[in-house]
């Protein structure tokens, strides 16, 4: 007796697509959010050239502003090329870009369902479908689907699953073209982002675990995939001398400043957090980082709690590996896809990120369907009684409805950078980075606002955000500078000056900052101090025109001196 009676195969794909559209279709009306504009608009010099910019994309490093800076982001040409093609055909259109993201996600899901059907032919037909559906609707995927910048993750997973599909078909009917296509898909994935790496092991593991390849052949395939994919990724890195050592600030990840061995307790904590986010995906944040993830030491009780839970999971795996392959393989996949992002041995930007768990959700979905299918600790398949079905089907429907509701809500928060930061800063008021970005985007939003009351409200929002950021992490010069600038927009020069001076004290050595201090002193009638800081602005940048103009007006005698 089937647990769920499914319609014809084509309707399964249709149901999967319709549910996905219901969950993520709200993103089609969204604009640009966190980091989107840096890779999709005129801010990125190479993308803004359209097709003409592709040679520069292929021969340059990846950076989020397109300034050809060697900033440790590596070599990721394909996502940028996709945006360049969009620019050539449609211009800069965020709604069109979101449509492309959604179509890529739907394509990925169709490929995944096809892979699961071929891998799980020995299992009831509802298992591949339910696994794909749970993967498709999981709210943790909103960051990748709703964020244009994270198209790179969609492409990585799409090419990874396309490669898996080809190797499954090769295992069933060996043909050289399958191998060529499979390795080609891995190459394309490597040209999107290094996060393809777990697929190098996941593909052979899946083929071996579900009896598609013998162990020896799976090991050979793992070695071949790892060697080939690493060559594709690292060859351009070496040829172009790309520095992969991206600078990390303390407020992004304090673990970067600890020895690798001292990160291990927090790595276990990171695993717990990823597990919690998968099981209970609320609340979600676009950024974590400093003060959001507790840093543990070897004496922390939470470390031993995490260690105990990991031990339990290992025991569960050992017991289920011969009794419930779905559960065991799901657990293995979840760990495999998460393990590079646990801050051991290498610290990762932001400490954790929802996008890092994107493919790990497949492991969770397999574990879930495995538990429904049979007890992980018993070899016997569950007998699907009407009583069991009446209990589980409403639970599944409630899960699906909850996931869709959370997806829709999160898509609204990803409407643009301002709405995202407003939602996330309020959800995580003790986050330095979120409050700083909330202040920054609110300040930008002030441009062109004519309504006095609305403008004043935005100014107060920005001030509160910056003040909160400073209270969390008081050592970042940019926040003081930006807070000082916002106070000048409010004509509150008495509060602007101390914040601007704090920025200088913390290393903000820029002509613009000195000029802002001088302007505040000038507005409060302290002309001599204004002149001093205008002079410092010119000393920093002799071509800084605003300071030159103010000095000429305040000290006519300086006019001749400056012209000389």
Protein backbone atom coordinates (compact mmCIF):
# COMPACT_ATOMS: atom_id res chain seq x y z
CA UNK A 1 0.00 0.00 0.00
CA UNK A 2 1.54 3.32 -1.13
CA UNK A 3 1.96 6.03 1.48
CA UNK A 4 1.01 8.69 -1.08
CA UNK A 5 -0.69 7.98 -4.40
CA UNK A 6 1.02 10.13 -7.00
CA UNK A 7 -0.34 11.29 -10.35
CA UNK A 8 1.48 10.67 -13.64
CA UNK A 9 5.10 11.76 -13.80
CA UNK A 10 4.46 14.91 -15.83
CA UNK A 11 1.99 16.07 -13.18
CA UNK A 12 4.58 15.51 -10.48
CA UNK A 13 6.86 17.99 -12.23
CA UNK A 14 3.92 20.36 -12.64
CA UNK A 15 3.00 20.16 -8.93
CA UNK A 16 6.63 20.73 -7.97
CA UNK A 17 6.80 23.79 -10.24
CA UNK A 18 3.49 25.25 -9.05
CA UNK A 19 4.38 24.86 -5.38
CA UNK A 20 7.76 26.49 -6.02
CA UNK A 21 6.13 29.39 -7.88
CA UNK A 22 3.67 29.86 -5.02
CA UNK A 23 6.54 29.97 -2.53
CA UNK A 24 9.06 32.08 -4.43
CA UNK A 25 7.01 33.87 -7.09
CA UNK A 26 6.81 36.96 -4.88
CA UNK A 27 10.46 37.66 -5.68
CA UNK A 28 9.49 38.55 -9.27
CA UNK A 29 8.46 42.05 -8.19
CA UNK A 30 11.57 42.65 -6.08
CA UNK A 31 14.37 45.08 -6.79
CA UNK A 32 18.04 44.95 -5.83
CA UNK A 33 18.94 43.83 -2.32
CA UNK A 34 22.15 42.98 -0.45
CA UNK A 35 25.17 43.01 -2.83
CA UNK A 36 22.90 42.69 -5.90
CA UNK A 37 23.74 46.04 -7.45
CA UNK A 38 27.48 45.35 -7.19
CA UNK A 39 27.25 42.44 -9.64
CA UNK A 40 24.25 43.33 -11.79
CA UNK A 41 24.24 47.08 -12.49
CA UNK A 42 26.40 49.93 -13.72
CA UNK A 43 28.33 49.74 -10.45
CA UNK A 44 30.05 46.74 -12.04
CA UNK A 45 32.09 48.13 -14.92
CA UNK A 46 32.46 44.83 -16.76
CA UNK A 47 28.82 43.73 -16.49
CA UNK A 48 27.62 47.17 -17.57
CA UNK A 49 29.38 46.70 -20.95
CA UNK A 50 27.14 43.76 -21.82
CA UNK A 51 28.61 41.30 -24.31
CA UNK A 52 31.60 43.58 -24.81
CA UNK A 53 32.53 43.08 -21.18
CA UNK A 54 32.74 39.27 -21.37
CA UNK A 55 36.44 39.15 -22.38
CA UNK A 56 37.31 41.28 -19.34
CA UNK A 57 35.16 39.02 -17.15
CA UNK A 58 36.92 35.90 -18.44
CA UNK A 59 40.39 37.37 -17.94
CA UNK A 60 39.79 39.11 -14.63
CA UNK A 61 39.18 38.15 -11.04
CA UNK A 62 35.77 38.19 -9.45
CA UNK A 63 34.99 41.13 -7.24
CA UNK A 64 31.66 42.48 -6.26
CA UNK A 65 32.19 45.96 -7.67
CA UNK A 66 33.91 45.04 -10.92
CA UNK A 67 36.94 47.21 -10.27
CA UNK A 68 39.42 44.40 -11.04
CA UNK A 69 40.59 44.40 -7.48
CA UNK A 70 42.42 41.28 -6.29
CA UNK A 71 40.30 40.95 -3.18
CA UNK A 72 40.23 37.21 -2.54
CA UNK A 73 36.86 36.33 -4.10
CA UNK A 74 38.53 34.03 -6.62
CA UNK A 75 37.54 33.29 -10.21
CA UNK A 76 33.78 33.15 -10.91
CA UNK A 77 33.19 34.26 -14.50
CA UNK A 78 29.94 32.46 -15.40
CA UNK A 79 27.55 34.25 -13.00
CA UNK A 80 28.88 37.63 -14.14
CA UNK A 81 28.60 36.57 -17.78
CA UNK A 82 24.92 35.73 -17.21
CA UNK A 83 24.32 39.26 -15.92
CA UNK A 84 26.30 40.75 -18.82
CA UNK A 85 24.08 38.87 -21.31
CA UNK A 86 20.98 40.14 -19.50
CA UNK A 87 22.34 43.69 -19.69
CA UNK A 88 22.98 43.37 -23.43
CA UNK A 89 19.46 42.12 -24.18
CA UNK A 90 17.23 43.75 -21.56
CA UNK A 91 19.29 46.49 -19.92
CA UNK A 92 19.33 46.70 -16.14
CA UNK A 93 16.06 45.14 -15.04
CA UNK A 94 15.90 43.60 -11.55
CA UNK A 95 12.52 41.96 -12.16
CA UNK A 96 13.87 40.19 -15.24
CA UNK A 97 16.93 39.09 -13.26
CA UNK A 98 14.68 37.64 -10.55
CA UNK A 99 12.74 35.77 -13.24
CA UNK A 100 15.99 34.23 -14.48
CA UNK A 101 16.86 33.21 -10.92
CA UNK A 102 13.49 31.55 -10.49
CA UNK A 103 13.77 29.72 -13.84
CA UNK A 104 17.22 28.47 -12.86
CA UNK A 105 15.79 27.21 -9.57
CA UNK A 106 12.92 25.43 -11.34
CA UNK A 107 15.40 23.84 -13.75
CA UNK A 108 17.55 22.72 -10.83
CA UNK A 109 14.54 21.12 -9.14
CA UNK A 110 13.52 19.23 -12.27
CA UNK A 111 17.05 17.87 -12.66
CA UNK A 112 17.11 16.93 -8.98
CA UNK A 113 13.82 15.05 -9.20
CA UNK A 114 15.11 13.19 -12.24
CA UNK A 115 18.29 12.24 -10.34
CA UNK A 116 16.31 11.04 -7.35
CA UNK A 117 13.98 8.94 -9.51
CA UNK A 118 16.96 7.18 -11.11
CA UNK A 119 18.86 6.73 -7.86
CA UNK A 120 15.85 5.50 -5.88
CA UNK A 121 14.26 3.15 -8.40
CA UNK A 122 14.10 0.44 -5.74
CA UNK A 123 11.98 2.65 -3.49
CA UNK A 124 8.32 3.71 -3.67
CA UNK A 125 7.71 6.49 -6.20
CA UNK A 126 6.54 8.97 -3.55
CA UNK A 127 10.01 9.13 -1.96
CA UNK A 128 11.82 10.98 -4.81
CA UNK A 129 8.89 13.37 -5.21
CA UNK A 130 8.51 14.19 -1.52
CA UNK A 131 12.27 14.60 -1.14
CA UNK A 132 12.38 17.06 -4.04
CA UNK A 133 9.32 18.93 -2.76
CA UNK A 134 10.75 19.40 0.74
CA UNK A 135 14.04 20.53 -0.76
CA UNK A 136 12.25 22.95 -3.09
CA UNK A 137 10.17 24.69 -0.45
CA UNK A 138 12.58 24.87 2.47
CA UNK A 139 12.73 28.50 3.73
CA UNK A 140 16.51 28.34 4.08
CA UNK A 141 16.63 28.59 0.28
CA UNK A 142 15.15 32.08 0.22
CA UNK A 143 18.56 33.75 0.45
CA UNK A 144 19.80 32.00 -2.69
CA UNK A 145 16.60 32.29 -4.74
CA UNK A 146 15.66 35.84 -3.72
CA UNK A 147 19.19 37.25 -3.93
CA UNK A 148 20.53 38.02 -7.40
CA UNK A 149 24.11 38.01 -6.18
CA UNK A 150 23.63 34.41 -5.06
CA UNK A 151 22.79 33.25 -8.56
CA UNK A 152 26.27 31.73 -8.40
CA UNK A 153 24.98 29.22 -5.84
CA UNK A 154 22.03 28.32 -8.08
CA UNK A 155 24.37 27.73 -11.00
CA UNK A 156 26.77 25.66 -8.89
CA UNK A 157 23.94 23.37 -7.74
CA UNK A 158 22.38 23.18 -11.20
CA UNK A 159 25.65 22.09 -12.79
CA UNK A 160 26.38 19.76 -9.87
CA UNK A 161 23.05 17.95 -10.24
CA UNK A 162 23.40 17.89 -14.04
CA UNK A 163 26.76 16.18 -13.56
CA UNK A 164 25.17 13.70 -11.13
CA UNK A 165 22.45 12.93 -13.68
CA UNK A 166 25.03 12.14 -16.37
CA UNK A 167 27.07 9.89 -14.10
CA UNK A 168 23.93 8.01 -13.02
CA UNK A 169 23.12 7.38 -16.67
CA UNK A 170 26.71 6.38 -17.34
CA UNK A 171 26.54 3.86 -14.48
CA UNK A 172 23.37 2.38 -16.00
CA UNK A 173 24.55 2.45 -19.61
CA UNK A 174 28.28 3.24 -20.03
CA UNK A 175 28.95 5.66 -22.86
CA UNK A 176 31.84 8.06 -23.30
CA UNK A 177 29.53 10.95 -24.08
CA UNK A 178 28.01 10.63 -20.59
CA UNK A 179 31.44 10.99 -19.04
CA UNK A 180 32.30 13.95 -21.25
CA UNK A 181 29.05 15.74 -20.42
CA UNK A 182 29.41 14.93 -16.71
CA UNK A 183 32.93 16.30 -16.46
CA UNK A 184 31.89 19.31 -18.55
CA UNK A 185 29.12 20.10 -16.08
CA UNK A 186 31.63 19.92 -13.23
CA UNK A 187 33.92 22.29 -15.13
CA UNK A 188 31.10 24.79 -15.61
CA UNK A 189 30.22 24.54 -11.92
CA UNK A 190 33.84 25.20 -10.96
CA UNK A 191 33.71 28.38 -13.07
CA UNK A 192 30.78 29.59 -10.97
CA UNK A 193 32.16 29.22 -7.45
CA UNK A 194 34.38 26.98 -5.35
CA UNK A 195 31.32 25.83 -3.38
CA UNK A 196 31.01 23.09 -6.01
CA UNK A 197 33.68 21.16 -4.07
CA UNK A 198 31.35 18.88 -2.02
CA UNK A 199 29.88 17.51 -5.25
CA UNK A 200 33.24 15.92 -6.01
CA UNK A 201 32.58 13.47 -3.17
CA UNK A 202 28.78 13.55 -3.08
CA UNK A 203 28.39 12.18 -6.62
CA UNK A 204 30.56 9.04 -6.12
CA UNK A 205 29.05 8.47 -2.66
CA UNK A 206 25.50 8.53 -4.01
CA UNK A 207 26.37 6.20 -6.87
CA UNK A 208 28.05 3.72 -4.53
CA UNK A 209 25.53 3.96 -1.71
CA UNK A 210 22.57 3.24 -3.97
CA UNK A 211 24.39 0.41 -5.82
CA UNK A 212 24.98 2.22 -9.10
CA UNK A 213 28.77 1.82 -8.98
CA UNK A 214 31.08 -0.59 -7.19
CA UNK A 215 33.22 0.82 -4.40
CA UNK A 216 36.44 0.67 -6.42
CA UNK A 217 34.92 2.51 -9.38
CA UNK A 218 33.40 5.10 -7.03
CA UNK A 219 36.81 5.80 -5.50
CA UNK A 220 38.32 6.17 -8.97
CA UNK A 221 35.51 8.54 -9.95
CA UNK A 222 36.01 10.59 -6.76
CA UNK A 223 39.73 10.96 -7.50
CA UNK A 224 39.06 11.86 -11.13
CA UNK A 225 36.37 14.42 -10.27
CA UNK A 226 38.48 16.02 -7.54
CA UNK A 227 41.58 16.26 -9.74
CA UNK A 228 39.74 17.56 -12.79
CA UNK A 229 37.57 20.09 -10.94
CA UNK A 230 40.51 21.38 -8.91
CA UNK A 231 42.50 21.84 -12.13
CA UNK A 232 39.67 23.79 -13.77
CA UNK A 233 39.34 26.07 -10.75
CA UNK A 234 42.96 26.58 -9.75
CA UNK A 235 44.56 26.87 -13.19
CA UNK A 236 43.06 30.33 -13.90
CA UNK A 237 43.82 31.29 -10.29
CA UNK A 238 47.49 30.47 -10.83
CA UNK A 239 47.72 31.96 -14.33
CA UNK A 240 46.20 35.26 -13.19
CA UNK A 241 47.92 35.24 -9.78
CA UNK A 242 44.59 35.55 -8.00
CA UNK A 243 44.90 35.96 -4.26
CA UNK A 244 42.38 33.69 -2.51
CA UNK A 245 43.27 35.06 0.92
CA UNK A 246 40.40 37.48 1.32
CA UNK A 247 40.82 39.99 4.15
CA UNK A 248 38.36 39.35 6.97
CA UNK A 249 37.45 41.98 9.55
CA UNK A 250 36.92 41.20 13.21
CA UNK A 251 33.26 42.18 13.03
CA UNK A 252 32.78 39.72 10.14
CA UNK A 253 34.36 36.71 11.83
CA UNK A 254 36.35 36.98 15.07
CA UNK A 255 37.43 33.37 14.57
CA UNK A 256 39.78 34.55 11.82
CA UNK A 257 42.01 35.89 14.55
CA UNK A 258 42.20 32.61 16.50
CA UNK A 259 44.48 29.61 15.87
CA UNK A 260 42.73 26.86 13.92
CA UNK A 261 42.65 24.45 16.87
CA UNK A 262 40.86 27.04 19.03
CA UNK A 263 38.10 27.29 16.43
CA UNK A 264 37.13 23.65 16.87
CA UNK A 265 34.67 24.16 19.78
CA UNK A 266 32.87 26.85 17.79
CA UNK A 267 32.86 24.56 14.75
CA UNK A 268 30.70 22.12 16.71
CA UNK A 269 28.47 25.03 17.71
CA UNK A 270 28.24 26.09 14.06
CA UNK A 271 27.03 22.59 13.17
CA UNK A 272 24.31 22.86 15.81
CA UNK A 273 23.19 26.22 14.42
CA UNK A 274 23.01 24.85 10.86
CA UNK A 275 21.03 21.88 12.14
CA UNK A 276 18.64 24.17 14.00
CA UNK A 277 18.18 26.37 10.91
CA UNK A 278 17.30 23.32 8.83
CA UNK A 279 14.86 21.90 11.35
CA UNK A 280 13.36 25.23 12.51
CA UNK A 281 14.06 27.82 9.77
CA UNK A 282 13.00 30.88 11.72
CA UNK A 283 14.13 33.56 12.24
CA UNK A 284 16.32 33.97 9.17
CA UNK A 285 19.00 36.62 8.63
CA UNK A 286 20.89 37.86 5.61
CA UNK A 287 24.03 38.22 7.72
CA UNK A 288 25.27 36.68 10.95
CA UNK A 289 28.88 37.42 11.94
CA UNK A 290 30.15 39.08 15.10
CA UNK A 291 27.92 38.91 18.17
CA UNK A 292 25.43 36.56 16.51
CA UNK A 293 27.30 33.28 16.91
CA UNK A 294 28.72 32.48 20.33
CA UNK A 295 32.44 31.74 20.32
CA UNK A 296 33.10 28.68 22.47
CA UNK A 297 36.22 27.49 24.21
CA UNK A 298 37.22 24.06 25.44
CA UNK A 299 35.48 24.67 28.77
CA UNK A 300 32.12 25.78 27.31
CA UNK A 301 29.20 23.51 28.31
CA UNK A 302 27.63 24.19 24.91
CA UNK A 303 30.67 22.64 23.23
CA UNK A 304 30.17 19.38 25.12
CA UNK A 305 26.45 19.47 24.35
CA UNK A 306 27.27 19.83 20.66
CA UNK A 307 29.88 17.09 20.91
CA UNK A 308 27.33 14.78 22.53
CA UNK A 309 24.78 15.47 19.79
CA UNK A 310 27.33 14.81 17.06
CA UNK A 311 28.22 11.56 18.80
CA UNK A 312 24.55 10.57 18.82
CA UNK A 313 24.31 11.34 15.09
CA UNK A 314 27.37 9.19 14.40
CA UNK A 315 25.78 6.31 16.34
CA UNK A 316 22.52 6.82 14.40
CA UNK A 317 24.44 6.67 11.15
CA UNK A 318 26.25 3.48 12.13
CA UNK A 319 22.99 1.78 13.14
CA UNK A 320 21.04 2.93 10.09
CA UNK A 321 23.65 2.44 7.38
CA UNK A 322 22.54 -1.15 6.72
CA UNK A 323 18.95 -0.73 7.87
CA UNK A 324 17.80 2.54 6.33
CA UNK A 325 19.96 3.75 3.45
CA UNK A 326 17.83 6.85 2.89
CA UNK A 327 18.37 8.10 6.43
CA UNK A 328 22.07 7.20 6.47
CA UNK A 329 22.78 8.77 3.07
CA UNK A 330 20.80 11.87 3.99
CA UNK A 331 22.80 12.33 7.17
CA UNK A 332 26.05 11.83 5.28
CA UNK A 333 25.06 14.36 2.59
CA UNK A 334 24.00 16.94 5.15
CA UNK A 335 27.35 16.71 6.95
CA UNK A 336 29.31 16.64 3.68
CA UNK A 337 27.70 19.80 2.29
CA UNK A 338 27.96 21.72 5.59
CA UNK A 339 31.43 20.65 6.73
CA UNK A 340 33.42 23.20 4.63
CA UNK A 341 31.58 26.06 6.39
CA UNK A 342 32.04 25.16 10.07
CA UNK A 343 35.03 27.52 10.55
CA UNK A 344 37.47 24.66 10.93
CA UNK A 345 40.18 24.57 9.84
CA UNK A 346 39.41 27.76 7.89
CA UNK A 347 37.24 30.64 9.08
CA UNK A 348 34.47 31.68 6.68
CA UNK A 349 33.11 35.20 6.06
CA UNK A 350 30.15 35.96 8.31
CA UNK A 351 30.81 32.88 10.50
CA UNK A 352 27.76 31.10 9.06
CA UNK A 353 25.41 31.83 6.16
CA UNK A 354 22.12 30.34 5.05
CA UNK A 355 23.38 29.93 1.49
CA UNK A 356 26.08 27.56 2.76
CA UNK A 357 23.36 25.08 3.78
CA UNK A 358 21.62 25.19 0.39
CA UNK A 359 22.50 21.65 -0.74
CA UNK A 360 22.59 20.25 2.80
CA UNK A 361 18.78 20.50 2.74
CA UNK A 362 18.78 17.58 0.31
CA UNK A 363 20.32 15.46 3.07
CA UNK A 364 17.67 16.57 5.55
CA UNK A 365 14.87 15.80 3.08
CA UNK A 366 16.27 12.30 2.49
CA UNK A 367 16.48 11.71 6.25
CA UNK A 368 12.86 12.81 6.64
CA UNK A 369 11.51 10.58 3.87
CA UNK A 370 13.72 7.76 5.13
CA UNK A 371 12.13 7.95 8.58
CA UNK A 372 8.64 7.86 7.05
CA UNK A 373 9.58 4.89 4.90
CA UNK A 374 11.11 2.80 7.65
CA UNK A 375 12.50 2.99 11.17
CA UNK A 376 16.22 3.91 10.97
CA UNK A 377 17.04 1.18 13.48
CA UNK A 378 15.01 -1.61 11.91
CA UNK A 379 15.40 -3.22 8.53
CA UNK A 380 11.67 -3.78 8.05
CA UNK A 381 9.73 -1.27 5.95
CA UNK A 382 6.85 0.41 7.75
CA UNK A 383 3.40 -0.98 7.08
CA UNK A 384 1.38 1.92 5.72
CA UNK A 385 -1.86 1.62 7.63
CA UNK A 386 -4.76 4.06 7.25
CA UNK A 387 -4.04 5.22 10.82
CA UNK A 388 -0.40 6.02 10.00
CA UNK A 389 -1.39 7.80 6.80
CA UNK A 390 -4.02 9.87 8.62
CA UNK A 391 -1.35 11.03 11.04
CA UNK A 392 1.44 11.77 8.60
CA UNK A 393 -0.37 13.33 5.65
CA UNK A 394 -1.77 16.27 7.69
CA UNK A 395 1.68 16.74 9.20
CA UNK A 396 3.23 16.89 5.74
CA UNK A 397 0.59 19.32 4.51
CA UNK A 398 1.15 21.54 7.53
CA UNK A 399 4.91 21.46 6.87
CA UNK A 400 4.43 22.40 3.22
CA UNK A 401 2.00 25.22 4.06
CA UNK A 402 4.31 26.56 6.77
CA UNK A 403 7.31 26.47 4.43
CA UNK A 404 5.38 28.31 1.69
CA UNK A 405 4.16 30.95 4.17
CA UNK A 406 7.70 31.55 5.44
CA UNK A 407 9.02 31.72 1.86
CA UNK A 408 6.43 34.33 0.90
CA UNK A 409 7.12 36.42 3.98
CA UNK A 410 10.86 36.30 3.43
CA UNK A 411 10.50 37.24 -0.25
CA UNK A 412 8.73 40.43 0.83
CA UNK A 413 11.61 41.26 3.15
CA UNK A 414 14.02 40.75 0.24
CA UNK A 415 12.10 43.38 -1.77
CA UNK A 416 15.11 45.68 -1.76
CA UNK A 417 18.16 46.47 0.31
CA UNK A 418 16.29 48.84 2.62
CA UNK A 419 13.39 46.50 3.43
CA UNK A 420 15.83 43.63 4.03
CA UNK A 421 18.06 45.56 6.39
CA UNK A 422 15.09 47.06 8.23
CA UNK A 423 13.62 43.60 8.85
CA UNK A 424 16.89 41.89 9.76
CA UNK A 425 18.28 44.65 11.98
CA UNK A 426 15.08 44.61 13.99
CA UNK A 427 15.20 40.82 14.17
CA UNK A 428 18.83 40.91 15.33
CA UNK A 429 19.24 44.22 17.20
CA UNK A 430 22.61 43.15 18.61
CA UNK A 431 24.17 42.63 15.16
CA UNK A 432 26.83 45.20 14.36
CA UNK A 433 26.96 44.54 10.62
CA UNK A 434 23.20 44.52 10.09
CA UNK A 435 22.74 47.79 11.99
CA UNK A 436 25.63 49.38 10.12
CA UNK A 437 24.19 48.34 6.75
CA UNK A 438 20.72 49.44 7.87
CA UNK A 439 22.10 52.89 8.60
CA UNK A 440 23.99 52.99 5.31
CA UNK A 441 21.04 52.02 3.12
CA UNK A 442 18.72 54.39 4.99
CA UNK A 443 21.19 57.21 4.41
CA UNK A 444 21.26 56.38 0.69
CA UNK A 445 17.46 56.30 0.63
CA UNK A 446 17.47 59.95 1.72
CA UNK A 447 18.68 60.96 -1.75
CA UNK A 448 15.83 62.54 -3.65
CA UNK A 449 13.35 62.46 -0.75
CA UNK A 450 11.50 65.78 -0.79
CA UNK A 451 8.81 65.13 1.82
CA UNK A 452 10.14 66.80 4.99
CA UNK A 453 8.37 64.56 7.47
CA UNK A 454 9.38 61.34 5.69
CA UNK A 455 12.93 62.61 5.30
CA UNK A 456 13.18 63.41 9.01
CA UNK A 457 11.90 59.93 9.84
CA UNK A 458 14.60 58.34 7.68
CA UNK A 459 17.28 60.47 9.32
CA UNK A 460 16.17 59.31 12.76
CA UNK A 461 16.15 55.69 11.53
CA UNK A 462 19.71 56.00 10.31
CA UNK A 463 20.85 57.64 13.54
CA UNK A 464 19.32 54.88 15.67
CA UNK A 465 20.87 52.19 13.48
CA UNK A 466 24.36 53.71 13.67
CA UNK A 467 24.08 54.28 17.41
CA UNK A 468 23.08 50.66 17.90
CA UNK A 469 25.99 49.49 15.76
CA UNK A 470 28.42 51.57 17.82
CA UNK A 471 27.01 50.19 21.06
CA UNK A 472 27.68 46.66 19.80
CA UNK A 473 31.13 47.27 18.30
CA UNK A 474 32.62 50.71 19.05
CA UNK A 475 35.88 50.37 17.10
CA UNK A 476 34.83 50.79 13.47
CA UNK A 477 35.67 54.22 12.05
CA UNK A 478 33.18 54.16 9.15
CA UNK A 479 30.16 54.03 11.45
CA UNK A 480 31.24 57.16 13.33
CA UNK A 481 31.89 58.94 10.06
CA UNK A 482 28.50 57.98 8.62
CA UNK A 483 26.70 58.91 11.83
CA UNK A 484 28.42 62.29 11.74
CA UNK A 485 27.31 62.81 8.13
CA UNK A 486 23.69 61.99 9.04
CA UNK A 487 23.81 64.52 11.88
CA UNK A 488 24.93 67.14 9.36
CA UNK A 489 21.85 66.32 7.25
CA UNK A 490 19.86 67.13 10.38
CA UNK A 491 21.93 70.33 10.86
CA UNK A 492 22.93 68.98 14.27
CA UNK A 493 26.57 70.01 13.93
CA UNK A 494 27.30 69.82 17.65
CA UNK A 495 26.69 66.04 17.50
CA UNK A 496 28.22 65.61 14.06
CA UNK A 497 31.67 66.95 15.04
CA UNK A 498 32.43 64.48 17.89
CA UNK A 499 31.46 61.52 15.73
CA UNK A 500 33.57 62.69 12.80
CA UNK A 501 36.51 63.26 15.15
CA UNK A 502 36.01 59.74 16.53
CA UNK A 503 36.22 58.45 12.96
CA UNK A 504 39.57 60.21 12.49
CA UNK A 505 40.82 58.91 15.82
CA UNK A 506 40.01 55.37 14.68
CA UNK A 507 41.92 55.70 11.43
CA UNK A 508 39.54 57.43 9.02
CA UNK A 509 42.29 59.35 7.23
CA UNK A 510 40.37 60.69 4.24
CA UNK A 511 40.07 64.11 2.65
CA UNK A 512 36.29 63.81 2.71
CA UNK A 513 36.22 63.27 6.48
CA UNK A 514 38.46 66.25 7.15
CA UNK A 515 36.31 68.35 4.85
CA UNK A 516 33.11 67.30 6.68
CA UNK A 517 34.67 68.28 10.02
CA UNK A 518 35.71 71.63 8.56
CA UNK A 519 32.23 72.23 7.16
CA UNK A 520 30.66 71.52 10.58
CA UNK A 521 33.03 73.94 12.27
CA UNK A 522 32.26 76.53 9.62
CA UNK A 523 28.52 76.13 10.14
CA UNK A 524 28.97 76.68 13.89
CA UNK A 525 31.03 79.83 13.32
CA UNK A 526 34.45 78.39 14.27
CA UNK A 527 36.20 79.52 11.13
CA UNK A 528 39.79 78.99 12.30
CA UNK A 529 39.10 75.32 13.07
CA UNK A 530 37.28 75.00 9.76
CA UNK A 531 40.32 76.34 7.93
CA UNK A 532 42.56 73.87 9.80
CA UNK A 533 40.54 70.88 8.67
CA UNK A 534 40.13 72.16 5.11
CA UNK A 535 43.90 72.39 5.01
CA UNK A 536 44.20 68.82 6.28
CA UNK A 537 41.80 67.73 3.55
CA UNK A 538 44.04 69.34 0.93
CA UNK A 539 47.14 67.87 2.52
CA UNK A 540 45.57 64.45 2.12
CA UNK A 541 44.37 65.13 -1.41
CA UNK A 542 45.69 68.31 -3.08
CA UNK A 543 43.11 67.89 -5.87
CA UNK A 544 40.12 67.84 -3.50
CA UNK A 545 38.12 70.71 -4.99
CA UNK A 546 35.49 71.32 -2.25
CA UNK A 547 38.18 72.06 0.36
CA UNK A 548 40.03 74.32 -2.05
CA UNK A 549 36.88 76.31 -2.79
CA UNK A 550 36.00 76.77 0.90
CA UNK A 551 39.50 77.95 1.75
CA UNK A 552 39.43 80.48 -1.04
CA UNK A 553 36.12 81.87 0.26
CA UNK A 554 37.12 81.90 3.94
CA UNK A 555 40.66 83.19 3.45
CA UNK A 556 40.97 85.32 0.34
CA UNK A 557 44.67 85.55 1.07
CA UNK A 558 44.86 81.79 0.42
CA UNK A 559 43.63 82.23 -3.13
CA UNK A 560 47.02 83.21 -4.52
CA UNK A 561 48.80 80.59 -2.39
CA UNK A 562 46.51 77.80 -3.57
CA UNK A 563 46.78 78.80 -7.20
CA UNK A 564 50.55 78.60 -6.90
